[in-house]
């Protein structure tokens, strides 16, 4: 699982410019993306990763879930007033986990 996550993260890091990647760790109330931009970016990142990363040791459902989850965490961390540490905290990540793993997005 960790290997799959790292492959997806590496691919995302290859294509996103540094100012965008910086938003993952450093967003505050003024910078960051709004919800509409985040949803667009999330969908496009998932499409990109699906085309450029292969995880043959996972079945297609798990592969899609890993890719969607990693993209969701990265993009959620870019939103205004959000930071990576907040997004991955168990108390804050419930809705994101349900969205990816239960709803299958």
PDB file of N, CA and C in Angstrom:
ATOM      1  N   UNK A   1       0.818  -1.196   0.000  1.00  0.00           N
ATOM      2  CA  UNK A   1       0.000   0.000   0.000  1.00  0.00           C
ATOM      3  C   UNK A   1       0.861   1.259   0.000  1.00  0.00           C
ATOM      4  N   UNK A   2       1.877   1.290   0.865  1.00  0.00           N
ATOM      5  CA  UNK A   2       2.760   2.463   0.926  1.00  0.00           C
ATOM      6  C   UNK A   2       3.442   2.702  -0.419  1.00  0.00           C
ATOM      7  N   UNK A   3       3.843   1.635  -1.074  1.00  0.00           N
ATOM      8  CA  UNK A   3       4.495   1.754  -2.375  1.00  0.00           C
ATOM      9  C   UNK A   3       3.550   2.391  -3.385  1.00  0.00           C
ATOM     10  N   UNK A   4       2.305   1.967  -3.393  1.00  0.00           N
ATOM     11  CA  UNK A   4       1.308   2.516  -4.314  1.00  0.00           C
ATOM     12  C   UNK A   4       1.098   4.005  -4.062  1.00  0.00           C
ATOM     13  N   UNK A   5       0.984   4.376  -2.802  1.00  0.00           N
ATOM     14  CA  UNK A   5       0.804   5.786  -2.451  1.00  0.00           C
ATOM     15  C   UNK A   5       2.003   6.607  -2.921  1.00  0.00           C
ATOM     16  N   UNK A   6       3.203   6.085  -2.699  1.00  0.00           N
ATOM     17  CA  UNK A   6       4.413   6.818  -3.116  1.00  0.00           C
ATOM     18  C   UNK A   6       4.481   6.988  -4.637  1.00  0.00           C
ATOM     19  N   UNK A   7       4.102   5.958  -5.390  1.00  0.00           N
ATOM     20  CA  UNK A   7       4.097   6.092  -6.849  1.00  0.00           C
ATOM     21  C   UNK A   7       3.145   7.197  -7.301  1.00  0.00           C
ATOM     22  N   UNK A   8       1.977   7.247  -6.702  1.00  0.00           N
ATOM     23  CA  UNK A   8       0.996   8.276  -7.059  1.00  0.00           C
ATOM     24  C   UNK A   8       1.517   9.661  -6.652  1.00  0.00           C
ATOM     25  N   UNK A   9       2.043   9.767  -5.450  1.00  0.00           N
ATOM     26  CA  UNK A   9       2.590  11.058  -4.998  1.00  0.00           C
ATOM     27  C   UNK A   9       3.728  11.535  -5.884  1.00  0.00           C
ATOM     28  N   UNK A  10       4.620  10.629  -6.240  1.00  0.00           N
ATOM     29  CA  UNK A  10       5.743  11.002  -7.109  1.00  0.00           C
ATOM     30  C   UNK A  10       5.247  11.537  -8.448  1.00  0.00           C
ATOM     31  N   UNK A  11       4.230  10.905  -9.010  1.00  0.00           N
ATOM     32  CA  UNK A  11       3.691  11.347 -10.303  1.00  0.00           C
ATOM     33  C   UNK A  11       3.051  12.724 -10.167  1.00  0.00           C
ATOM     34  N   UNK A  12       2.333  12.952  -9.076  1.00  0.00           N
ATOM     35  CA  UNK A  12       1.714  14.257  -8.850  1.00  0.00           C
ATOM     36  C   UNK A  12       2.781  15.337  -8.680  1.00  0.00           C
ATOM     37  N   UNK A  13       3.825  15.027  -7.924  1.00  0.00           N
ATOM     38  CA  UNK A  13       4.906  15.993  -7.715  1.00  0.00           C
ATOM     39  C   UNK A  13       5.613  16.347  -9.022  1.00  0.00           C
ATOM     40  N   UNK A  14       5.689  15.404  -9.950  1.00  0.00           N
ATOM     41  CA  UNK A  14       6.328  15.668 -11.239  1.00  0.00           C
ATOM     42  C   UNK A  14       5.606  16.752 -12.041  1.00  0.00           C
ATOM     43  N   UNK A  15       4.286  16.803 -11.928  1.00  0.00           N
ATOM     44  CA  UNK A  15       3.543  17.689 -12.821  1.00  0.00           C
ATOM     45  C   UNK A  15       3.087  18.998 -12.196  1.00  0.00           C
ATOM     46  N   UNK A  16       2.968  19.048 -10.876  1.00  0.00           N
ATOM     47  CA  UNK A  16       2.489  20.280 -10.259  1.00  0.00           C
ATOM     48  C   UNK A  16       3.654  21.225  -9.991  1.00  0.00           C
ATOM     49  N   UNK A  17       3.504  22.485 -10.344  1.00  0.00           N
ATOM     50  CA  UNK A  17       4.574  23.451 -10.067  1.00  0.00           C
ATOM     51  C   UNK A  17       4.729  23.686  -8.562  1.00  0.00           C
ATOM     52  N   UNK A  18       5.909  24.116  -8.172  1.00  0.00           N
ATOM     53  CA  UNK A  18       6.205  24.313  -6.751  1.00  0.00           C
ATOM     54  C   UNK A  18       5.202  25.203  -6.019  1.00  0.00           C
ATOM     55  N   UNK A  19       4.759  26.333  -6.588  1.00  0.00           N
ATOM     56  CA  UNK A  19       3.783  27.149  -5.850  1.00  0.00           C
ATOM     57  C   UNK A  19       2.487  26.397  -5.534  1.00  0.00           C
ATOM     58  N   UNK A  20       2.070  25.513  -6.430  1.00  0.00           N
ATOM     59  CA  UNK A  20       0.861  24.731  -6.181  1.00  0.00           C
ATOM     60  C   UNK A  20       1.133  23.672  -5.109  1.00  0.00           C
ATOM     61  N   UNK A  21       2.260  22.990  -5.207  1.00  0.00           N
ATOM     62  CA  UNK A  21       2.600  21.978  -4.202  1.00  0.00           C
ATOM     63  C   UNK A  21       2.785  22.612  -2.819  1.00  0.00           C
ATOM     64  N   UNK A  22       3.296  23.835  -2.792  1.00  0.00           N
ATOM     65  CA  UNK A  22       3.493  24.531  -1.519  1.00  0.00           C
ATOM     66  C   UNK A  22       2.160  24.739  -0.788  1.00  0.00           C
ATOM     67  N   UNK A  23       1.079  24.887  -1.549  1.00  0.00           N
ATOM     68  CA  UNK A  23      -0.237  25.065  -0.930  1.00  0.00           C
ATOM     69  C   UNK A  23      -0.643  23.871  -0.067  1.00  0.00           C
ATOM     70  N   UNK A  24      -0.114  22.706  -0.386  1.00  0.00           N
ATOM     71  CA  UNK A  24      -0.464  21.504   0.381  1.00  0.00           C
ATOM     72  C   UNK A  24      -0.073  21.689   1.853  1.00  0.00           C
ATOM     73  N   UNK A  25       1.068  22.275   2.093  1.00  0.00           N
ATOM     74  CA  UNK A  25       1.563  22.407   3.465  1.00  0.00           C
ATOM     75  C   UNK A  25       1.373  23.799   4.064  1.00  0.00           C
ATOM     76  N   UNK A  26       1.181  24.808   3.221  1.00  0.00           N
ATOM     77  CA  UNK A  26       1.248  26.176   3.719  1.00  0.00           C
ATOM     78  C   UNK A  26       0.012  27.033   3.483  1.00  0.00           C
ATOM     79  N   UNK A  27      -1.119  26.476   3.144  1.00  0.00           N
ATOM     80  CA  UNK A  27      -2.274  27.327   2.880  1.00  0.00           C
ATOM     81  C   UNK A  27      -2.760  28.011   4.149  1.00  0.00           C
ATOM     82  N   UNK A  28      -3.321  29.187   3.971  1.00  0.00           N
ATOM     83  CA  UNK A  28      -3.934  29.906   5.077  1.00  0.00           C
ATOM     84  C   UNK A  28      -5.266  30.466   4.590  1.00  0.00           C
ATOM     85  N   UNK A  29      -5.793  31.448   5.271  1.00  0.00           N
ATOM     86  CA  UNK A  29      -7.108  31.963   4.915  1.00  0.00           C
ATOM     87  C   UNK A  29      -7.097  32.764   3.614  1.00  0.00           C
ATOM     88  N   UNK A  30      -5.973  33.346   3.229  1.00  0.00           N
ATOM     89  CA  UNK A  30      -5.920  34.151   2.017  1.00  0.00           C
ATOM     90  C   UNK A  30      -5.588  33.348   0.759  1.00  0.00           C
ATOM     91  N   UNK A  31      -4.665  32.417   0.871  1.00  0.00           N
ATOM     92  CA  UNK A  31      -4.292  31.656  -0.324  1.00  0.00           C
ATOM     93  C   UNK A  31      -5.001  30.314  -0.329  1.00  0.00           C
ATOM     94  N   UNK A  32      -4.727  29.554  -1.326  1.00  0.00           N
ATOM     95  CA  UNK A  32      -5.401  28.272  -1.471  1.00  0.00           C
ATOM     96  C   UNK A  32      -6.481  28.351  -2.533  1.00  0.00           C
ATOM     97  N   UNK A  33      -7.014  27.206  -2.872  1.00  0.00           N
ATOM     98  CA  UNK A  33      -8.024  27.137  -3.931  1.00  0.00           C
ATOM     99  C   UNK A  33      -9.419  27.046  -3.320  1.00  0.00           C
ATOM    100  N   UNK A  34     -10.406  27.513  -4.076  1.00  0.00           N
ATOM    101  CA  UNK A  34     -11.788  27.412  -3.593  1.00  0.00           C
ATOM    102  C   UNK A  34     -12.334  26.017  -3.915  1.00  0.00           C
ATOM    103  N   UNK A  35     -13.536  25.741  -3.437  1.00  0.00           N
ATOM    104  CA  UNK A  35     -14.122  24.403  -3.597  1.00  0.00           C
ATOM    105  C   UNK A  35     -14.304  24.000  -5.057  1.00  0.00           C
ATOM    106  N   UNK A  36     -14.736  24.940  -5.887  1.00  0.00           N
ATOM    107  CA  UNK A  36     -14.973  24.631  -7.296  1.00  0.00           C
ATOM    108  C   UNK A  36     -13.658  24.277  -8.002  1.00  0.00           C
ATOM    109  N   UNK A  37     -12.636  25.084  -7.775  1.00  0.00           N
ATOM    110  CA  UNK A  37     -11.325  24.812  -8.377  1.00  0.00           C
ATOM    111  C   UNK A  37     -10.766  23.490  -7.843  1.00  0.00           C
ATOM    112  N   UNK A  38     -10.962  23.233  -6.555  1.00  0.00           N
ATOM    113  CA  UNK A  38     -10.460  21.994  -5.957  1.00  0.00           C
ATOM    114  C   UNK A  38     -11.106  20.771  -6.606  1.00  0.00           C
ATOM    115  N   UNK A  39     -12.405  20.830  -6.832  1.00  0.00           N
ATOM    116  CA  UNK A  39     -13.094  19.691  -7.442  1.00  0.00           C
ATOM    117  C   UNK A  39     -12.600  19.450  -8.866  1.00  0.00           C
ATOM    118  N   UNK A  40     -12.396  20.522  -9.610  1.00  0.00           N
ATOM    119  CA  UNK A  40     -11.861  20.406 -10.968  1.00  0.00           C
ATOM    120  C   UNK A  40     -10.455  19.828 -10.945  1.00  0.00           C
ATOM    121  N   UNK A  41      -9.621  20.350 -10.062  1.00  0.00           N
ATOM    122  CA  UNK A  41      -8.240  19.876  -9.966  1.00  0.00           C
ATOM    123  C   UNK A  41      -8.196  18.413  -9.537  1.00  0.00           C
ATOM    124  N   UNK A  42      -9.041  18.045  -8.599  1.00  0.00           N
ATOM    125  CA  UNK A  42      -9.083  16.654  -8.124  1.00  0.00           C
ATOM    126  C   UNK A  42      -9.436  15.702  -9.274  1.00  0.00           C
ATOM    127  N   UNK A  43     -10.462  16.032 -10.025  1.00  0.00           N
ATOM    128  CA  UNK A  43     -10.874  15.180 -11.147  1.00  0.00           C
ATOM    129  C   UNK A  43      -9.767  15.073 -12.195  1.00  0.00           C
ATOM    130  N   UNK A  44      -9.135  16.191 -12.496  1.00  0.00           N
ATOM    131  CA  UNK A  44      -8.080  16.171 -13.513  1.00  0.00           C
ATOM    132  C   UNK A  44      -6.841  15.432 -13.036  1.00  0.00           C
ATOM    133  N   UNK A  45      -6.507  15.576 -11.757  1.00  0.00           N
ATOM    134  CA  UNK A  45      -5.373  14.829 -11.217  1.00  0.00           C
ATOM    135  C   UNK A  45      -5.637  13.328 -11.248  1.00  0.00           C
ATOM    136  N   UNK A  46      -6.841  12.932 -10.872  1.00  0.00           N
ATOM    137  CA  UNK A  46      -7.182  11.499 -10.909  1.00  0.00           C
ATOM    138  C   UNK A  46      -7.061  10.970 -12.334  1.00  0.00           C
ATOM    139  N   UNK A  47      -7.580  11.694 -13.310  1.00  0.00           N
ATOM    140  CA  UNK A  47      -7.456  11.276 -14.710  1.00  0.00           C
ATOM    141  C   UNK A  47      -5.997  11.145 -15.117  1.00  0.00           C
ATOM    142  N   UNK A  48      -5.194  12.128 -14.743  1.00  0.00           N
ATOM    143  CA  UNK A  48      -3.770  12.110 -15.099  1.00  0.00           C
ATOM    144  C   UNK A  48      -3.071  10.898 -14.472  1.00  0.00           C
ATOM    145  N   UNK A  49      -3.293  10.696 -13.192  1.00  0.00           N
ATOM    146  CA  UNK A  49      -2.638   9.590 -12.491  1.00  0.00           C
ATOM    147  C   UNK A  49      -3.056   8.243 -13.078  1.00  0.00           C
ATOM    148  N   UNK A  50      -4.344   8.093 -13.394  1.00  0.00           N
ATOM    149  CA  UNK A  50      -4.811   6.836 -13.989  1.00  0.00           C
ATOM    150  C   UNK A  50      -4.100   6.531 -15.303  1.00  0.00           C
ATOM    151  N   UNK A  51      -3.770   7.565 -16.062  1.00  0.00           N
ATOM    152  CA  UNK A  51      -3.098   7.373 -17.349  1.00  0.00           C
ATOM    153  C   UNK A  51      -1.603   7.103 -17.206  1.00  0.00           C
ATOM    154  N   UNK A  52      -1.006   7.536 -16.095  1.00  0.00           N
ATOM    155  CA  UNK A  52       0.448   7.489 -15.984  1.00  0.00           C
ATOM    156  C   UNK A  52       1.007   6.593 -14.880  1.00  0.00           C
ATOM    157  N   UNK A  53       0.145   6.009 -14.080  1.00  0.00           N
ATOM    158  CA  UNK A  53       0.613   5.125 -13.004  1.00  0.00           C
ATOM    159  C   UNK A  53      -0.085   3.778 -13.147  1.00  0.00           C
ATOM    160  N   UNK A  54       0.698   2.731 -13.025  1.00  0.00           N
ATOM    161  CA  UNK A  54       0.155   1.379 -13.059  1.00  0.00           C
ATOM    162  C   UNK A  54       0.495   0.687 -11.747  1.00  0.00           C
ATOM    163  N   UNK A  55      -0.509   0.095 -11.148  1.00  0.00           N
ATOM    164  CA  UNK A  55      -0.325  -0.636  -9.894  1.00  0.00           C
ATOM    165  C   UNK A  55      -0.815  -2.071 -10.104  1.00  0.00           C
ATOM    166  N   UNK A  56      -0.045  -2.888 -10.831  1.00  0.00           N
ATOM    167  CA  UNK A  56      -0.513  -4.220 -11.226  1.00  0.00           C
ATOM    168  C   UNK A  56      -0.711  -5.186 -10.070  1.00  0.00           C
ATOM    169  N   UNK A  57      -0.176  -4.873  -8.915  1.00  0.00           N
ATOM    170  CA  UNK A  57      -0.324  -5.749  -7.754  1.00  0.00           C
ATOM    171  C   UNK A  57      -1.632  -5.481  -6.992  1.00  0.00           C
ATOM    172  N   UNK A  58      -2.412  -4.495  -7.452  1.00  0.00           N
ATOM    173  CA  UNK A  58      -3.731  -4.226  -6.879  1.00  0.00           C
ATOM    174  C   UNK A  58      -4.797  -4.552  -7.918  1.00  0.00           C
ATOM    175  N   UNK A  59      -5.977  -4.945  -7.458  1.00  0.00           N
ATOM    176  CA  UNK A  59      -7.052  -5.111  -8.430  1.00  0.00           C
ATOM    177  C   UNK A  59      -7.518  -3.716  -8.863  1.00  0.00           C
ATOM    178  N   UNK A  60      -8.310  -3.648  -9.896  1.00  0.00           N
ATOM    179  CA  UNK A  60      -8.666  -2.347 -10.477  1.00  0.00           C
ATOM    180  C   UNK A  60      -9.440  -1.456  -9.499  1.00  0.00           C
ATOM    181  N   UNK A  61     -10.249  -2.056  -8.636  1.00  0.00           N
ATOM    182  CA  UNK A  61     -10.999  -1.268  -7.652  1.00  0.00           C
ATOM    183  C   UNK A  61     -10.064  -0.642  -6.631  1.00  0.00           C
ATOM    184  N   UNK A  62      -9.151  -1.421  -6.093  1.00  0.00           N
ATOM    185  CA  UNK A  62      -8.207  -0.887  -5.110  1.00  0.00           C
ATOM    186  C   UNK A  62      -7.258   0.126  -5.739  1.00  0.00           C
ATOM    187  N   UNK A  63      -6.851  -0.130  -6.973  1.00  0.00           N
ATOM    188  CA  UNK A  63      -5.997   0.818  -7.680  1.00  0.00           C
ATOM    189  C   UNK A  63      -6.709   2.170  -7.803  1.00  0.00           C
ATOM    190  N   UNK A  64      -7.958   2.148  -8.214  1.00  0.00           N
ATOM    191  CA  UNK A  64      -8.722   3.393  -8.356  1.00  0.00           C
ATOM    192  C   UNK A  64      -8.901   4.089  -7.011  1.00  0.00           C
ATOM    193  N   UNK A  65      -9.119   3.315  -5.960  1.00  0.00           N
ATOM    194  CA  UNK A  65      -9.296   3.902  -4.630  1.00  0.00           C
ATOM    195  C   UNK A  65      -8.029   4.573  -4.134  1.00  0.00           C
ATOM    196  N   UNK A  66      -6.894   3.922  -4.307  1.00  0.00           N
ATOM    197  CA  UNK A  66      -5.625   4.511  -3.870  1.00  0.00           C
ATOM    198  C   UNK A  66      -5.380   5.815  -4.622  1.00  0.00           C
ATOM    199  N   UNK A  67      -5.566   5.789  -5.926  1.00  0.00           N
ATOM    200  CA  UNK A  67      -5.338   6.989  -6.728  1.00  0.00           C
ATOM    201  C   UNK A  67      -6.281   8.120  -6.324  1.00  0.00           C
ATOM    202  N   UNK A  68      -7.544   7.789  -6.146  1.00  0.00           N
ATOM    203  CA  UNK A  68      -8.531   8.803  -5.759  1.00  0.00           C
ATOM    204  C   UNK A  68      -8.238   9.346  -4.364  1.00  0.00           C
ATOM    205  N   UNK A  69      -7.857   8.472  -3.443  1.00  0.00           N
ATOM    206  CA  UNK A  69      -7.584   8.911  -2.072  1.00  0.00           C
ATOM    207  C   UNK A  69      -6.387   9.849  -2.009  1.00  0.00           C
ATOM    208  N   UNK A  70      -5.317   9.500  -2.688  1.00  0.00           N
ATOM    209  CA  UNK A  70      -4.127  10.347  -2.669  1.00  0.00           C
ATOM    210  C   UNK A  70      -4.441  11.706  -3.302  1.00  0.00           C
ATOM    211  N   UNK A  71      -5.098  11.700  -4.431  1.00  0.00           N
ATOM    212  CA  UNK A  71      -5.457  12.961  -5.090  1.00  0.00           C
ATOM    213  C   UNK A  71      -6.384  13.791  -4.207  1.00  0.00           C
ATOM    214  N   UNK A  72      -7.327  13.138  -3.557  1.00  0.00           N
ATOM    215  CA  UNK A  72      -8.265  13.848  -2.690  1.00  0.00           C
ATOM    216  C   UNK A  72      -7.550  14.516  -1.523  1.00  0.00           C
ATOM    217  N   UNK A  73      -6.637  13.815  -0.890  1.00  0.00           N
ATOM    218  CA  UNK A  73      -5.895  14.389   0.243  1.00  0.00           C
ATOM    219  C   UNK A  73      -5.042  15.562  -0.220  1.00  0.00           C
ATOM    220  N   UNK A  74      -4.350  15.404  -1.337  1.00  0.00           N
ATOM    221  CA  UNK A  74      -3.498  16.481  -1.847  1.00  0.00           C
ATOM    222  C   UNK A  74      -4.336  17.719  -2.152  1.00  0.00           C
ATOM    223  N   UNK A  75      -5.423  17.547  -2.883  1.00  0.00           N
ATOM    224  CA  UNK A  75      -6.239  18.693  -3.280  1.00  0.00           C
ATOM    225  C   UNK A  75      -6.960  19.302  -2.079  1.00  0.00           C
ATOM    226  N   UNK A  76      -7.470  18.485  -1.193  1.00  0.00           N
ATOM    227  CA  UNK A  76      -8.134  19.008   0.015  1.00  0.00           C
ATOM    228  C   UNK A  76      -7.169  19.867   0.830  1.00  0.00           C
ATOM    229  N   UNK A  77      -5.892  19.482   0.838  1.00  0.00           N
ATOM    230  CA  UNK A  77      -4.871  20.239   1.557  1.00  0.00           C
ATOM    231  C   UNK A  77      -4.557  21.582   0.907  1.00  0.00           C
ATOM    232  N   UNK A  78      -4.919  21.743  -0.351  1.00  0.00           N
ATOM    233  CA  UNK A  78      -4.671  22.998  -1.072  1.00  0.00           C
ATOM    234  C   UNK A  78      -5.772  24.036  -0.865  1.00  0.00           C
ATOM    235  N   UNK A  79      -6.882  23.628  -0.270  1.00  0.00           N
ATOM    236  CA  UNK A  79      -8.004  24.555  -0.107  1.00  0.00           C
ATOM    237  C   UNK A  79      -7.671  25.658   0.894  1.00  0.00           C
ATOM    238  N   UNK A  80      -8.351  26.775   0.731  1.00  0.00           N
ATOM    239  CA  UNK A  80      -8.178  27.890   1.653  1.00  0.00           C
ATOM    240  C   UNK A  80      -8.443  27.420   3.075  1.00  0.00           C
ATOM    241  N   UNK A  81      -7.601  27.845   3.971  1.00  0.00           N
ATOM    242  CA  UNK A  81      -7.679  27.572   5.410  1.00  0.00           C
ATOM    243  C   UNK A  81      -7.520  26.095   5.754  1.00  0.00           C
ATOM    244  N   UNK A  82      -6.978  25.295   4.863  1.00  0.00           N
ATOM    245  CA  UNK A  82      -6.730  23.874   5.137  1.00  0.00           C
ATOM    246  C   UNK A  82      -5.238  23.609   5.038  1.00  0.00           C
ATOM    247  N   UNK A  83      -4.764  22.638   5.785  1.00  0.00           N
ATOM    248  CA  UNK A  83      -3.387  22.200   5.701  1.00  0.00           C
ATOM    249  C   UNK A  83      -3.358  20.677   5.766  1.00  0.00           C
ATOM    250  N   UNK A  84      -2.305  20.116   5.237  1.00  0.00           N
ATOM    251  CA  UNK A  84      -2.169  18.666   5.167  1.00  0.00           C
ATOM    252  C   UNK A  84      -2.387  18.010   6.532  1.00  0.00           C
ATOM    253  N   UNK A  85      -1.741  18.551   7.568  1.00  0.00           N
ATOM    254  CA  UNK A  85      -1.861  17.960   8.901  1.00  0.00           C
ATOM    255  C   UNK A  85      -3.307  17.898   9.368  1.00  0.00           C
ATOM    256  N   UNK A  86      -4.086  18.924   9.047  1.00  0.00           N
ATOM    257  CA  UNK A  86      -5.501  18.939   9.413  1.00  0.00           C
ATOM    258  C   UNK A  86      -6.279  17.886   8.627  1.00  0.00           C
ATOM    259  N   UNK A  87      -6.010  17.816   7.347  1.00  0.00           N
ATOM    260  CA  UNK A  87      -6.768  16.927   6.460  1.00  0.00           C
ATOM    261  C   UNK A  87      -6.606  15.470   6.854  1.00  0.00           C
ATOM    262  N   UNK A  88      -5.414  15.079   7.243  1.00  0.00           N
ATOM    263  CA  UNK A  88      -5.169  13.664   7.551  1.00  0.00           C
ATOM    264  C   UNK A  88      -5.445  13.294   9.001  1.00  0.00           C
ATOM    265  N   UNK A  89      -5.787  14.253   9.843  1.00  0.00           N
ATOM    266  CA  UNK A  89      -6.172  13.938  11.222  1.00  0.00           C
ATOM    267  C   UNK A  89      -7.421  13.068  11.205  1.00  0.00           C
ATOM    268  N   UNK A  90      -7.431  11.981  11.958  1.00  0.00           N
ATOM    269  CA  UNK A  90      -8.605  11.089  11.949  1.00  0.00           C
ATOM    270  C   UNK A  90      -9.930  11.798  12.223  1.00  0.00           C
ATOM    271  N   UNK A  91      -9.929  12.770  13.100  1.00  0.00           N
ATOM    272  CA  UNK A  91     -11.170  13.463  13.429  1.00  0.00           C
ATOM    273  C   UNK A  91     -11.698  14.287  12.252  1.00  0.00           C
ATOM    274  N   UNK A  92     -10.808  14.696  11.338  1.00  0.00           N
ATOM    275  CA  UNK A  92     -11.199  15.525  10.201  1.00  0.00           C
ATOM    276  C   UNK A  92     -11.339  14.765   8.892  1.00  0.00           C
ATOM    277  N   UNK A  93     -10.834  13.557   8.834  1.00  0.00           N
ATOM    278  CA  UNK A  93     -10.756  12.858   7.557  1.00  0.00           C
ATOM    279  C   UNK A  93     -11.914  11.907   7.284  1.00  0.00           C
ATOM    280  N   UNK A  94     -12.849  11.794   8.189  1.00  0.00           N
ATOM    281  CA  UNK A  94     -13.951  10.846   8.032  1.00  0.00           C
ATOM    282  C   UNK A  94     -14.734  11.027   6.750  1.00  0.00           C
ATOM    283  N   UNK A  95     -15.132  12.257   6.449  1.00  0.00           N
ATOM    284  CA  UNK A  95     -15.922  12.516   5.241  1.00  0.00           C
ATOM    285  C   UNK A  95     -15.135  12.197   3.979  1.00  0.00           C
ATOM    286  N   UNK A  96     -13.859  12.543   3.976  1.00  0.00           N
ATOM    287  CA  UNK A  96     -13.001  12.256   2.826  1.00  0.00           C
ATOM    288  C   UNK A  96     -12.864  10.748   2.621  1.00  0.00           C
ATOM    289  N   UNK A  97     -12.672  10.019   3.691  1.00  0.00           N
ATOM    290  CA  UNK A  97     -12.543   8.562   3.594  1.00  0.00           C
ATOM    291  C   UNK A  97     -13.842   7.939   3.090  1.00  0.00           C
ATOM    292  N   UNK A  98     -14.955   8.392   3.617  1.00  0.00           N
ATOM    293  CA  UNK A  98     -16.248   7.874   3.145  1.00  0.00           C
ATOM    294  C   UNK A  98     -16.440   8.170   1.669  1.00  0.00           C
ATOM    295  N   UNK A  99     -16.081   9.377   1.265  1.00  0.00           N
ATOM    296  CA  UNK A  99     -16.244   9.770  -0.143  1.00  0.00           C
ATOM    297  C   UNK A  99     -15.441   8.862  -1.064  1.00  0.00           C
ATOM    298  N   UNK A 100     -14.221   8.563  -0.697  1.00  0.00           N
ATOM    299  CA  UNK A 100     -13.348   7.770  -1.572  1.00  0.00           C
ATOM    300  C   UNK A 100     -13.621   6.272  -1.454  1.00  0.00           C
ATOM    301  N   UNK A 101     -13.691   5.763  -0.248  1.00  0.00           N
ATOM    302  CA  UNK A 101     -13.743   4.313  -0.074  1.00  0.00           C
ATOM    303  C   UNK A 101     -15.151   3.726  -0.028  1.00  0.00           C
ATOM    304  N   UNK A 102     -16.111   4.474   0.416  1.00  0.00           N
ATOM    305  CA  UNK A 102     -17.459   3.940   0.484  1.00  0.00           C
ATOM    306  C   UNK A 102     -18.260   4.305  -0.760  1.00  0.00           C
ATOM    307  N   UNK A 103     -18.237   5.588  -1.129  1.00  0.00           N
ATOM    308  CA  UNK A 103     -18.979   6.024  -2.315  1.00  0.00           C
ATOM    309  C   UNK A 103     -18.271   5.618  -3.598  1.00  0.00           C
ATOM    310  N   UNK A 104     -16.960   5.354  -3.504  1.00  0.00           N
ATOM    311  CA  UNK A 104     -16.224   4.894  -4.670  1.00  0.00           C
ATOM    312  C   UNK A 104     -15.834   5.983  -5.637  1.00  0.00           C
ATOM    313  N   UNK A 105     -15.614   7.193  -5.144  1.00  0.00           N
ATOM    314  CA  UNK A 105     -15.215   8.271  -6.065  1.00  0.00           C
ATOM    315  C   UNK A 105     -13.742   8.264  -6.337  1.00  0.00           C
TER     316      UNK A 105
END
